[in-house]
């Protein structure tokens, strides 16, 4: 459940590495209580965006504001007191055991009641006696998740939070997010797991090649997404005016057109009947999986 109180504002954020733009004009905002999924392929710009949001990295242009505080590497410590963060990369704490790391977090954030830590430890069952650097990827992720939530933060930022977790722990993670939602915790999480996006997010921000391509309520991804139409014709054909074009290309037999159509089926049939030189057409339901398949196909040339 969200309110109109804005917690995060990312405005025209850009990060260049010489001539390469890791992210380009990225903008979105997050209101209190929202659970927002940040979705894209590896290398799309998710981690770069998150690292700038947390003040771990300088942006080239643009700004990040969290709790009305402009975030930079110099000012990030002011917002970190209200933020929980989890990432699979725990290199800085590799020489600490899980117990030592939790003690460090408790001291840094002034946590004197260990009841929340115990609840989270019972949920994820991490190995807390070994040095973090010697742990498996899954156990490192458990430690990171517990540390992110043990301080009861107002905002939690998670970078691929369930990566490395086994199916049981992934479900426990989803249950935890649902629990936090009832408390009004604001959560921003990058993910490429569709089940997580469907189950826990109120909104989805989709990033591709460093640019935001979608920012929509998650409910729009699980309701009727219309019809996905793949058409082959002898002549160049423009899609219906209300259609969302996915791809248009020349092939050996003529031209192929791929688009999503959400108007009445009778209107689609009427449009198809007027296509000159139609060779073949296929019409399928366009659901969440199909939408992500489109993304992967355009990026890699293969279906996900």
C-alpha atoms as a PDB file:
ATOM      1  CA  UNK A   1       0.000   0.000   0.000  1.00  0.00           C
ATOM      2  CA  UNK A   2       1.500   3.321  -1.041  1.00  0.00           C
ATOM      3  CA  UNK A   3       0.878   6.938  -0.140  1.00  0.00           C
ATOM      4  CA  UNK A   4       1.697  10.133  -1.973  1.00  0.00           C
ATOM      5  CA  UNK A   5       4.829  10.699   0.109  1.00  0.00           C
ATOM      6  CA  UNK A   6       7.801  10.500  -2.231  1.00  0.00           C
ATOM      7  CA  UNK A   7      10.743   8.597  -0.781  1.00  0.00           C
ATOM      8  CA  UNK A   8      13.022   8.337  -3.825  1.00  0.00           C
ATOM      9  CA  UNK A   9      13.425  10.567  -6.860  1.00  0.00           C
ATOM     10  CA  UNK A  10      15.892   9.660  -9.606  1.00  0.00           C
ATOM     11  CA  UNK A  11      16.092  12.427 -12.212  1.00  0.00           C
ATOM     12  CA  UNK A  12      17.854  12.230 -15.592  1.00  0.00           C
ATOM     13  CA  UNK A  13      20.612  10.038 -14.199  1.00  0.00           C
ATOM     14  CA  UNK A  14      23.493   9.302 -16.577  1.00  0.00           C
ATOM     15  CA  UNK A  15      26.775   7.476 -16.089  1.00  0.00           C
ATOM     16  CA  UNK A  16      29.457   7.524 -18.780  1.00  0.00           C
ATOM     17  CA  UNK A  17      32.613   5.451 -18.932  1.00  0.00           C
ATOM     18  CA  UNK A  18      34.514   7.358 -21.632  1.00  0.00           C
ATOM     19  CA  UNK A  19      32.268   6.984 -24.706  1.00  0.00           C
ATOM     20  CA  UNK A  20      30.098   4.218 -23.189  1.00  0.00           C
ATOM     21  CA  UNK A  21      26.869   5.160 -21.397  1.00  0.00           C
ATOM     22  CA  UNK A  22      26.168   2.579 -18.681  1.00  0.00           C
ATOM     23  CA  UNK A  23      22.888   4.389 -17.977  1.00  0.00           C
ATOM     24  CA  UNK A  24      21.326   7.195 -19.986  1.00  0.00           C
ATOM     25  CA  UNK A  25      18.721   9.695 -18.720  1.00  0.00           C
ATOM     26  CA  UNK A  26      17.254   7.312 -16.129  1.00  0.00           C
ATOM     27  CA  UNK A  27      14.285   8.815 -14.256  1.00  0.00           C
ATOM     28  CA  UNK A  28      11.733   7.339 -11.847  1.00  0.00           C
ATOM     29  CA  UNK A  29      10.297   7.994  -8.400  1.00  0.00           C
ATOM     30  CA  UNK A  30       9.145   5.754  -5.550  1.00  0.00           C
ATOM     31  CA  UNK A  31       6.430   6.602  -3.048  1.00  0.00           C
ATOM     32  CA  UNK A  32       6.242   5.443   0.559  1.00  0.00           C
ATOM     33  CA  UNK A  33       5.079   1.835   0.852  1.00  0.00           C
ATOM     34  CA  UNK A  34       5.660   0.907  -2.778  1.00  0.00           C
ATOM     35  CA  UNK A  35       7.482  -2.288  -3.748  1.00  0.00           C
ATOM     36  CA  UNK A  36       9.123  -1.501  -7.071  1.00  0.00           C
ATOM     37  CA  UNK A  37      10.819  -4.078  -9.263  1.00  0.00           C
ATOM     38  CA  UNK A  38      13.790  -2.913 -11.343  1.00  0.00           C
ATOM     39  CA  UNK A  39      14.024  -5.400 -14.176  1.00  0.00           C
ATOM     40  CA  UNK A  40      16.468  -5.921 -17.015  1.00  0.00           C
ATOM     41  CA  UNK A  41      19.101  -8.183 -18.485  1.00  0.00           C
ATOM     42  CA  UNK A  42      22.599  -8.460 -17.046  1.00  0.00           C
ATOM     43  CA  UNK A  43      24.477  -5.342 -18.083  1.00  0.00           C
ATOM     44  CA  UNK A  44      21.310  -3.308 -18.609  1.00  0.00           C
ATOM     45  CA  UNK A  45      22.317  -0.770 -15.945  1.00  0.00           C
ATOM     46  CA  UNK A  46      20.545  -2.026 -12.815  1.00  0.00           C
ATOM     47  CA  UNK A  47      23.582  -2.231 -10.525  1.00  0.00           C
ATOM     48  CA  UNK A  48      25.043   1.038 -11.821  1.00  0.00           C
ATOM     49  CA  UNK A  49      21.787   2.836 -11.002  1.00  0.00           C
ATOM     50  CA  UNK A  50      21.604   1.288  -7.539  1.00  0.00           C
ATOM     51  CA  UNK A  51      25.238   2.099  -6.743  1.00  0.00           C
ATOM     52  CA  UNK A  52      24.641   5.758  -7.609  1.00  0.00           C
ATOM     53  CA  UNK A  53      21.437   5.773  -5.531  1.00  0.00           C
ATOM     54  CA  UNK A  54      23.428   4.535  -2.547  1.00  0.00           C
ATOM     55  CA  UNK A  55      26.258   7.007  -3.075  1.00  0.00           C
ATOM     56  CA  UNK A  56      28.790   4.300  -3.884  1.00  0.00           C
ATOM     57  CA  UNK A  57      29.347   5.763  -7.338  1.00  0.00           C
ATOM     58  CA  UNK A  58      29.319   9.235  -8.904  1.00  0.00           C
ATOM     59  CA  UNK A  59      26.838   9.851 -11.709  1.00  0.00           C
ATOM     60  CA  UNK A  60      28.000  11.839 -14.724  1.00  0.00           C
ATOM     61  CA  UNK A  61      24.764  13.844 -14.868  1.00  0.00           C
ATOM     62  CA  UNK A  62      21.413  13.875 -13.112  1.00  0.00           C
ATOM     63  CA  UNK A  63      20.485  13.529  -9.457  1.00  0.00           C
ATOM     64  CA  UNK A  64      19.189  11.176  -6.782  1.00  0.00           C
ATOM     65  CA  UNK A  65      17.111  12.405  -3.848  1.00  0.00           C
ATOM     66  CA  UNK A  66      16.191  10.076  -0.977  1.00  0.00           C
ATOM     67  CA  UNK A  67      14.156  11.326   1.993  1.00  0.00           C
ATOM     68  CA  UNK A  68      14.526  14.869   0.594  1.00  0.00           C
ATOM     69  CA  UNK A  69      18.328  14.558   0.782  1.00  0.00           C
ATOM     70  CA  UNK A  70      20.460  14.855  -2.355  1.00  0.00           C
ATOM     71  CA  UNK A  71      22.618  11.728  -2.508  1.00  0.00           C
ATOM     72  CA  UNK A  72      26.301  11.919  -3.440  1.00  0.00           C
ATOM     73  CA  UNK A  73      29.274   9.876  -2.209  1.00  0.00           C
ATOM     74  CA  UNK A  74      29.917  12.747   0.238  1.00  0.00           C
ATOM     75  CA  UNK A  75      26.363  12.943   1.655  1.00  0.00           C
ATOM     76  CA  UNK A  76      25.223   9.312   1.402  1.00  0.00           C
ATOM     77  CA  UNK A  77      25.898   8.594   5.089  1.00  0.00           C
ATOM     78  CA  UNK A  78      22.973  10.872   5.996  1.00  0.00           C
ATOM     79  CA  UNK A  79      20.461   8.664   4.168  1.00  0.00           C
ATOM     80  CA  UNK A  80      22.090   5.326   5.005  1.00  0.00           C
ATOM     81  CA  UNK A  81      20.703   5.499   8.554  1.00  0.00           C
ATOM     82  CA  UNK A  82      17.208   4.971   7.115  1.00  0.00           C
ATOM     83  CA  UNK A  83      18.153   2.455   4.424  1.00  0.00           C
ATOM     84  CA  UNK A  84      18.714  -1.289   4.374  1.00  0.00           C
ATOM     85  CA  UNK A  85      20.769  -2.623   1.480  1.00  0.00           C
ATOM     86  CA  UNK A  86      21.609  -6.110   0.220  1.00  0.00           C
ATOM     87  CA  UNK A  87      23.905  -7.262  -2.542  1.00  0.00           C
ATOM     88  CA  UNK A  88      25.735 -10.498  -3.243  1.00  0.00           C
ATOM     89  CA  UNK A  89      29.044  -8.608  -3.184  1.00  0.00           C
ATOM     90  CA  UNK A  90      30.312  -8.551   0.419  1.00  0.00           C
ATOM     91  CA  UNK A  91      34.026  -8.230  -0.352  1.00  0.00           C
ATOM     92  CA  UNK A  92      34.560  -5.479   2.233  1.00  0.00           C
ATOM     93  CA  UNK A  93      33.441  -7.786   5.053  1.00  0.00           C
ATOM     94  CA  UNK A  94      34.996 -11.050   3.860  1.00  0.00           C
ATOM     95  CA  UNK A  95      37.189 -11.377   6.977  1.00  0.00           C
ATOM     96  CA  UNK A  96      34.251 -11.111   9.385  1.00  0.00           C
ATOM     97  CA  UNK A  97      32.017 -13.987  10.422  1.00  0.00           C
ATOM     98  CA  UNK A  98      28.266 -13.598  10.083  1.00  0.00           C
ATOM     99  CA  UNK A  99      27.984 -13.021  13.838  1.00  0.00           C
ATOM    100  CA  UNK A 100      30.651 -10.322  13.735  1.00  0.00           C
ATOM    101  CA  UNK A 101      29.000  -8.634  10.776  1.00  0.00           C
ATOM    102  CA  UNK A 102      25.597  -8.551  12.470  1.00  0.00           C
ATOM    103  CA  UNK A 103      27.244  -7.091  15.583  1.00  0.00           C
ATOM    104  CA  UNK A 104      28.863  -4.415  13.407  1.00  0.00           C
ATOM    105  CA  UNK A 105      25.502  -3.547  11.785  1.00  0.00           C
ATOM    106  CA  UNK A 106      23.743  -3.443  15.165  1.00  0.00           C
ATOM    107  CA  UNK A 107      26.377  -1.073  16.544  1.00  0.00           C
ATOM    108  CA  UNK A 108      26.346   1.178  13.494  1.00  0.00           C
ATOM    109  CA  UNK A 109      22.553   1.551  13.508  1.00  0.00           C
ATOM    110  CA  UNK A 110      22.024   1.519  17.266  1.00  0.00           C
ATOM    111  CA  UNK A 111      20.079  -1.751  17.365  1.00  0.00           C
ATOM    112  CA  UNK A 112      19.863  -3.032  20.960  1.00  0.00           C
ATOM    113  CA  UNK A 113      16.961  -5.476  20.584  1.00  0.00           C
ATOM    114  CA  UNK A 114      18.056  -8.729  18.913  1.00  0.00           C
ATOM    115  CA  UNK A 115      14.534 -10.096  18.413  1.00  0.00           C
ATOM    116  CA  UNK A 116      14.346  -9.027  14.762  1.00  0.00           C
ATOM    117  CA  UNK A 117      17.765 -10.530  14.073  1.00  0.00           C
ATOM    118  CA  UNK A 118      16.611 -13.813  15.607  1.00  0.00           C
ATOM    119  CA  UNK A 119      13.421 -13.843  13.497  1.00  0.00           C
ATOM    120  CA  UNK A 120      15.380 -13.290  10.302  1.00  0.00           C
ATOM    121  CA  UNK A 121      18.040 -15.850  11.256  1.00  0.00           C
ATOM    122  CA  UNK A 122      15.315 -18.430  11.887  1.00  0.00           C
ATOM    123  CA  UNK A 123      13.840 -17.614   8.475  1.00  0.00           C
ATOM    124  CA  UNK A 124      17.047 -17.876   6.424  1.00  0.00           C
ATOM    125  CA  UNK A 125      19.197 -20.171   8.632  1.00  0.00           C
ATOM    126  CA  UNK A 126      22.606 -18.789   7.590  1.00  0.00           C
ATOM    127  CA  UNK A 127      26.010 -20.141   8.566  1.00  0.00           C
ATOM    128  CA  UNK A 128      27.156 -17.388  10.937  1.00  0.00           C
ATOM    129  CA  UNK A 129      30.335 -18.964  12.315  1.00  0.00           C
ATOM    130  CA  UNK A 130      32.442 -19.021   9.142  1.00  0.00           C
ATOM    131  CA  UNK A 131      34.142 -15.986   7.645  1.00  0.00           C
ATOM    132  CA  UNK A 132      31.914 -14.400   5.021  1.00  0.00           C
ATOM    133  CA  UNK A 133      34.635 -14.778   2.397  1.00  0.00           C
ATOM    134  CA  UNK A 134      34.545 -18.565   2.868  1.00  0.00           C
ATOM    135  CA  UNK A 135      30.769 -18.887   2.515  1.00  0.00           C
ATOM    136  CA  UNK A 136      28.828 -20.145  -0.489  1.00  0.00           C
ATOM    137  CA  UNK A 137      27.042 -17.601  -2.653  1.00  0.00           C
ATOM    138  CA  UNK A 138      23.703 -18.565  -1.131  1.00  0.00           C
ATOM    139  CA  UNK A 139      24.932 -18.121   2.441  1.00  0.00           C
ATOM    140  CA  UNK A 140      26.467 -14.747   1.594  1.00  0.00           C
ATOM    141  CA  UNK A 141      23.097 -13.683   0.226  1.00  0.00           C
ATOM    142  CA  UNK A 142      21.337 -14.806   3.403  1.00  0.00           C
ATOM    143  CA  UNK A 143      23.758 -12.758   5.517  1.00  0.00           C
ATOM    144  CA  UNK A 144      23.216  -9.706   3.291  1.00  0.00           C
ATOM    145  CA  UNK A 145      19.415  -9.992   3.447  1.00  0.00           C
ATOM    146  CA  UNK A 146      19.365 -10.356   7.225  1.00  0.00           C
ATOM    147  CA  UNK A 147      21.635  -7.323   7.602  1.00  0.00           C
ATOM    148  CA  UNK A 148      19.385  -5.292   5.289  1.00  0.00           C
ATOM    149  CA  UNK A 149      16.222  -5.944   7.285  1.00  0.00           C
ATOM    150  CA  UNK A 150      17.489  -6.349  10.871  1.00  0.00           C
ATOM    151  CA  UNK A 151      17.511  -2.576  11.465  1.00  0.00           C
ATOM    152  CA  UNK A 152      13.809  -2.217  10.467  1.00  0.00           C
ATOM    153  CA  UNK A 153      14.652   0.436   7.842  1.00  0.00           C
ATOM    154  CA  UNK A 154      12.116   2.725   6.175  1.00  0.00           C
ATOM    155  CA  UNK A 155      13.586   1.985   2.722  1.00  0.00           C
ATOM    156  CA  UNK A 156      15.225  -1.230   1.527  1.00  0.00           C
ATOM    157  CA  UNK A 157      17.274  -1.355  -1.687  1.00  0.00           C
ATOM    158  CA  UNK A 158      18.057  -4.844  -2.959  1.00  0.00           C
ATOM    159  CA  UNK A 159      20.331  -5.770  -5.872  1.00  0.00           C
ATOM    160  CA  UNK A 160      19.357  -9.227  -7.218  1.00  0.00           C
ATOM    161  CA  UNK A 161      18.280 -10.230  -3.680  1.00  0.00           C
ATOM    162  CA  UNK A 162      17.381 -13.881  -4.261  1.00  0.00           C
ATOM    163  CA  UNK A 163      20.280 -14.697  -6.573  1.00  0.00           C
ATOM    164  CA  UNK A 164      22.030 -17.775  -5.186  1.00  0.00           C
ATOM    165  CA  UNK A 165      19.166 -18.803  -2.902  1.00  0.00           C
ATOM    166  CA  UNK A 166      17.635 -22.256  -3.216  1.00  0.00           C
ATOM    167  CA  UNK A 167      13.876 -22.480  -4.019  1.00  0.00           C
ATOM    168  CA  UNK A 168      12.863 -22.775  -0.341  1.00  0.00           C
ATOM    169  CA  UNK A 169      14.872 -19.696   0.625  1.00  0.00           C
ATOM    170  CA  UNK A 170      13.535 -17.817  -2.413  1.00  0.00           C
ATOM    171  CA  UNK A 171      10.012 -18.467  -1.133  1.00  0.00           C
ATOM    172  CA  UNK A 172      11.034 -17.340   2.353  1.00  0.00           C
ATOM    173  CA  UNK A 173      12.373 -14.152   0.795  1.00  0.00           C
ATOM    174  CA  UNK A 174       9.054 -13.532  -0.993  1.00  0.00           C
ATOM    175  CA  UNK A 175       7.210 -14.115   2.296  1.00  0.00           C
ATOM    176  CA  UNK A 176       9.498 -11.576   3.985  1.00  0.00           C
ATOM    177  CA  UNK A 177       8.762  -8.933   1.350  1.00  0.00           C
ATOM    178  CA  UNK A 178       5.028  -9.504   1.792  1.00  0.00           C
ATOM    179  CA  UNK A 179       5.426  -9.093   5.550  1.00  0.00           C
ATOM    180  CA  UNK A 180       7.372  -5.859   5.094  1.00  0.00           C
ATOM    181  CA  UNK A 181       4.683  -4.582   2.716  1.00  0.00           C
ATOM    182  CA  UNK A 182       2.092  -4.820   5.488  1.00  0.00           C
ATOM    183  CA  UNK A 183       4.359  -2.628   7.640  1.00  0.00           C
ATOM    184  CA  UNK A 184       4.564   0.064   4.968  1.00  0.00           C
ATOM    185  CA  UNK A 185       8.252  -0.490   4.207  1.00  0.00           C
ATOM    186  CA  UNK A 186       9.350   0.968   0.872  1.00  0.00           C
ATOM    187  CA  UNK A 187      11.302  -1.536  -1.238  1.00  0.00           C
ATOM    188  CA  UNK A 188      13.259  -1.152  -4.475  1.00  0.00           C
ATOM    189  CA  UNK A 189      14.643  -4.401  -5.843  1.00  0.00           C
ATOM    190  CA  UNK A 190      16.402  -5.381  -9.029  1.00  0.00           C
ATOM    191  CA  UNK A 191      15.467  -8.816 -10.303  1.00  0.00           C
ATOM    192  CA  UNK A 192      15.230 -11.007 -13.360  1.00  0.00           C
ATOM    193  CA  UNK A 193      12.984 -13.595 -11.655  1.00  0.00           C
ATOM    194  CA  UNK A 194       9.458 -13.198 -13.035  1.00  0.00           C
ATOM    195  CA  UNK A 195       7.855 -14.901 -10.018  1.00  0.00           C
ATOM    196  CA  UNK A 196       9.297 -12.260  -7.698  1.00  0.00           C
ATOM    197  CA  UNK A 197       8.059  -9.437  -9.892  1.00  0.00           C
ATOM    198  CA  UNK A 198       4.583 -10.927 -10.161  1.00  0.00           C
ATOM    199  CA  UNK A 199       4.254 -11.904  -6.509  1.00  0.00           C
ATOM    200  CA  UNK A 200       5.570  -8.917  -4.597  1.00  0.00           C
ATOM    201  CA  UNK A 201       5.964  -5.778  -6.701  1.00  0.00           C
ATOM    202  CA  UNK A 202       3.368  -3.022  -6.954  1.00  0.00           C
ATOM    203  CA  UNK A 203       5.228  -1.430  -9.863  1.00  0.00           C
ATOM    204  CA  UNK A 204       7.815  -2.447 -12.429  1.00  0.00           C
ATOM    205  CA  UNK A 205      10.535  -0.274 -13.976  1.00  0.00           C
ATOM    206  CA  UNK A 206      12.083  -1.977 -16.993  1.00  0.00           C
ATOM    207  CA  UNK A 207      15.585  -0.962 -18.123  1.00  0.00           C
ATOM    208  CA  UNK A 208      17.229  -1.932 -21.398  1.00  0.00           C
ATOM    209  CA  UNK A 209      20.683  -0.859 -22.605  1.00  0.00           C
ATOM    210  CA  UNK A 210      20.842   1.778 -19.872  1.00  0.00           C
ATOM    211  CA  UNK A 211      17.483   3.384 -20.672  1.00  0.00           C
ATOM    212  CA  UNK A 212      14.093   3.104 -18.973  1.00  0.00           C
ATOM    213  CA  UNK A 213      11.678   1.559 -21.465  1.00  0.00           C
ATOM    214  CA  UNK A 214       8.687   0.853 -19.184  1.00  0.00           C
ATOM    215  CA  UNK A 215       7.404   2.153 -15.855  1.00  0.00           C
ATOM    216  CA  UNK A 216       4.029   0.564 -15.155  1.00  0.00           C
ATOM    217  CA  UNK A 217       1.906  -0.919 -12.355  1.00  0.00           C
ATOM    218  CA  UNK A 218       2.683  -4.614 -11.912  1.00  0.00           C
ATOM    219  CA  UNK A 219      -1.038  -5.309 -12.265  1.00  0.00           C
ATOM    220  CA  UNK A 220      -0.785  -4.402 -15.943  1.00  0.00           C
ATOM    221  CA  UNK A 221       1.666  -7.249 -16.437  1.00  0.00           C
ATOM    222  CA  UNK A 222      -0.569  -9.929 -14.971  1.00  0.00           C
ATOM    223  CA  UNK A 223      -3.855  -8.878 -16.534  1.00  0.00           C
ATOM    224  CA  UNK A 224      -4.780  -9.313 -20.174  1.00  0.00           C
ATOM    225  CA  UNK A 225      -1.880  -7.989 -22.190  1.00  0.00           C
ATOM    226  CA  UNK A 226      -3.762  -8.146 -25.469  1.00  0.00           C
ATOM    227  CA  UNK A 227      -2.763 -10.171 -28.501  1.00  0.00           C
ATOM    228  CA  UNK A 228       0.710 -10.626 -29.897  1.00  0.00           C
ATOM    229  CA  UNK A 229       0.517 -10.647 -33.699  1.00  0.00           C
ATOM    230  CA  UNK A 230       3.281 -11.935 -35.982  1.00  0.00           C
ATOM    231  CA  UNK A 231       2.536 -11.168 -39.609  1.00  0.00           C
ATOM    232  CA  UNK A 232       4.373 -11.989 -42.849  1.00  0.00           C
ATOM    233  CA  UNK A 233       3.436 -10.185 -46.058  1.00  0.00           C
ATOM    234  CA  UNK A 234       4.795  -9.572 -49.533  1.00  0.00           C
ATOM    235  CA  UNK A 235       4.578  -5.809 -49.030  1.00  0.00           C
ATOM    236  CA  UNK A 236       5.653  -3.391 -46.298  1.00  0.00           C
ATOM    237  CA  UNK A 237       2.784  -3.093 -43.821  1.00  0.00           C
ATOM    238  CA  UNK A 238       2.315  -0.467 -41.117  1.00  0.00           C
ATOM    239  CA  UNK A 239       0.793  -1.825 -37.883  1.00  0.00           C
ATOM    240  CA  UNK A 240      -2.637  -0.654 -36.698  1.00  0.00           C
ATOM    241  CA  UNK A 241      -2.559   2.886 -35.324  1.00  0.00           C
ATOM    242  CA  UNK A 242      -3.289   1.731 -31.751  1.00  0.00           C
ATOM    243  CA  UNK A 243      -0.827  -1.182 -31.787  1.00  0.00           C
ATOM    244  CA  UNK A 244       2.501  -1.331 -29.946  1.00  0.00           C
ATOM    245  CA  UNK A 245       5.193  -2.160 -32.492  1.00  0.00           C
ATOM    246  CA  UNK A 246       7.790  -4.671 -31.309  1.00  0.00           C
ATOM    247  CA  UNK A 247       9.748  -5.378 -34.475  1.00  0.00           C
ATOM    248  CA  UNK A 248       9.642  -4.846 -38.237  1.00  0.00           C
ATOM    249  CA  UNK A 249      12.154  -6.419 -40.604  1.00  0.00           C
ATOM    250  CA  UNK A 250      12.730  -7.621 -44.151  1.00  0.00           C
ATOM    251  CA  UNK A 251      12.920 -11.404 -44.605  1.00  0.00           C
ATOM    252  CA  UNK A 252      13.412 -13.763 -47.541  1.00  0.00           C
ATOM    253  CA  UNK A 253       9.697 -14.035 -48.366  1.00  0.00           C
ATOM    254  CA  UNK A 254       8.883 -10.370 -47.881  1.00  0.00           C
ATOM    255  CA  UNK A 255       8.400  -8.484 -44.628  1.00  0.00           C
ATOM    256  CA  UNK A 256       7.748  -9.578 -41.046  1.00  0.00           C
ATOM    257  CA  UNK A 257       5.844  -7.439 -38.552  1.00  0.00           C
ATOM    258  CA  UNK A 258       5.500  -8.121 -34.825  1.00  0.00           C
ATOM    259  CA  UNK A 259       3.167  -6.039 -32.652  1.00  0.00           C
ATOM    260  CA  UNK A 260       0.854  -6.125 -29.631  1.00  0.00           C
ATOM    261  CA  UNK A 261      -2.804  -5.254 -30.123  1.00  0.00           C
ATOM    262  CA  UNK A 262      -5.135  -4.510 -27.188  1.00  0.00           C
ATOM    263  CA  UNK A 263      -8.315  -3.342 -28.942  1.00  0.00           C
ATOM    264  CA  UNK A 264     -11.317  -5.537 -29.743  1.00  0.00           C
ATOM    265  CA  UNK A 265     -10.524  -8.800 -31.607  1.00  0.00           C
ATOM    266  CA  UNK A 266     -13.124  -7.922 -34.242  1.00  0.00           C
ATOM    267  CA  UNK A 267     -11.210  -4.727 -35.039  1.00  0.00           C
ATOM    268  CA  UNK A 268      -8.003  -6.734 -35.411  1.00  0.00           C
ATOM    269  CA  UNK A 269      -9.695  -9.170 -37.794  1.00  0.00           C
ATOM    270  CA  UNK A 270     -11.076  -6.267 -39.794  1.00  0.00           C
ATOM    271  CA  UNK A 271      -7.593  -4.757 -40.078  1.00  0.00           C
ATOM    272  CA  UNK A 272      -6.060  -8.083 -41.129  1.00  0.00           C
ATOM    273  CA  UNK A 273      -8.650  -8.541 -43.863  1.00  0.00           C
ATOM    274  CA  UNK A 274      -7.404  -5.331 -45.456  1.00  0.00           C
ATOM    275  CA  UNK A 275      -3.711  -6.324 -45.542  1.00  0.00           C
ATOM    276  CA  UNK A 276      -2.542  -6.673 -49.147  1.00  0.00           C
ATOM    277  CA  UNK A 277      -0.138  -9.533 -49.883  1.00  0.00           C
ATOM    278  CA  UNK A 278      -0.688 -11.333 -46.573  1.00  0.00           C
ATOM    279  CA  UNK A 279       1.321 -14.587 -46.489  1.00  0.00           C
ATOM    280  CA  UNK A 280       1.021 -15.776 -42.891  1.00  0.00           C
ATOM    281  CA  UNK A 281      -0.241 -14.578 -39.532  1.00  0.00           C
ATOM    282  CA  UNK A 282      -0.137 -15.974 -35.996  1.00  0.00           C
ATOM    283  CA  UNK A 283      -1.994 -14.535 -32.999  1.00  0.00           C
ATOM    284  CA  UNK A 284      -1.195 -15.473 -29.393  1.00  0.00           C
ATOM    285  CA  UNK A 285      -1.996 -14.118 -25.937  1.00  0.00           C
ATOM    286  CA  UNK A 286       0.558 -11.538 -24.824  1.00  0.00           C
ATOM    287  CA  UNK A 287       1.200 -12.150 -21.122  1.00  0.00           C
ATOM    288  CA  UNK A 288       4.069 -11.269 -18.785  1.00  0.00           C
ATOM    289  CA  UNK A 289       6.279 -14.109 -19.998  1.00  0.00           C
ATOM    290  CA  UNK A 290       5.710 -13.082 -23.613  1.00  0.00           C
ATOM    291  CA  UNK A 291       6.624  -9.488 -22.800  1.00  0.00           C
ATOM    292  CA  UNK A 292       9.919 -10.566 -21.278  1.00  0.00           C
ATOM    293  CA  UNK A 293      10.556 -12.976 -24.149  1.00  0.00           C
ATOM    294  CA  UNK A 294      10.219 -10.001 -26.496  1.00  0.00           C
ATOM    295  CA  UNK A 295      12.839  -8.127 -24.485  1.00  0.00           C
ATOM    296  CA  UNK A 296      15.283 -11.042 -24.485  1.00  0.00           C
ATOM    297  CA  UNK A 297      14.715 -11.763 -28.170  1.00  0.00           C
ATOM    298  CA  UNK A 298      15.454  -8.182 -29.171  1.00  0.00           C
ATOM    299  CA  UNK A 299      18.561  -8.104 -26.960  1.00  0.00           C
ATOM    300  CA  UNK A 300      20.087 -11.477 -27.799  1.00  0.00           C
ATOM    301  CA  UNK A 301      18.343 -12.800 -30.888  1.00  0.00           C
ATOM    302  CA  UNK A 302      17.128 -15.763 -28.834  1.00  0.00           C
ATOM    303  CA  UNK A 303      14.083 -16.481 -26.707  1.00  0.00           C
ATOM    304  CA  UNK A 304      14.668 -16.489 -22.947  1.00  0.00           C
END
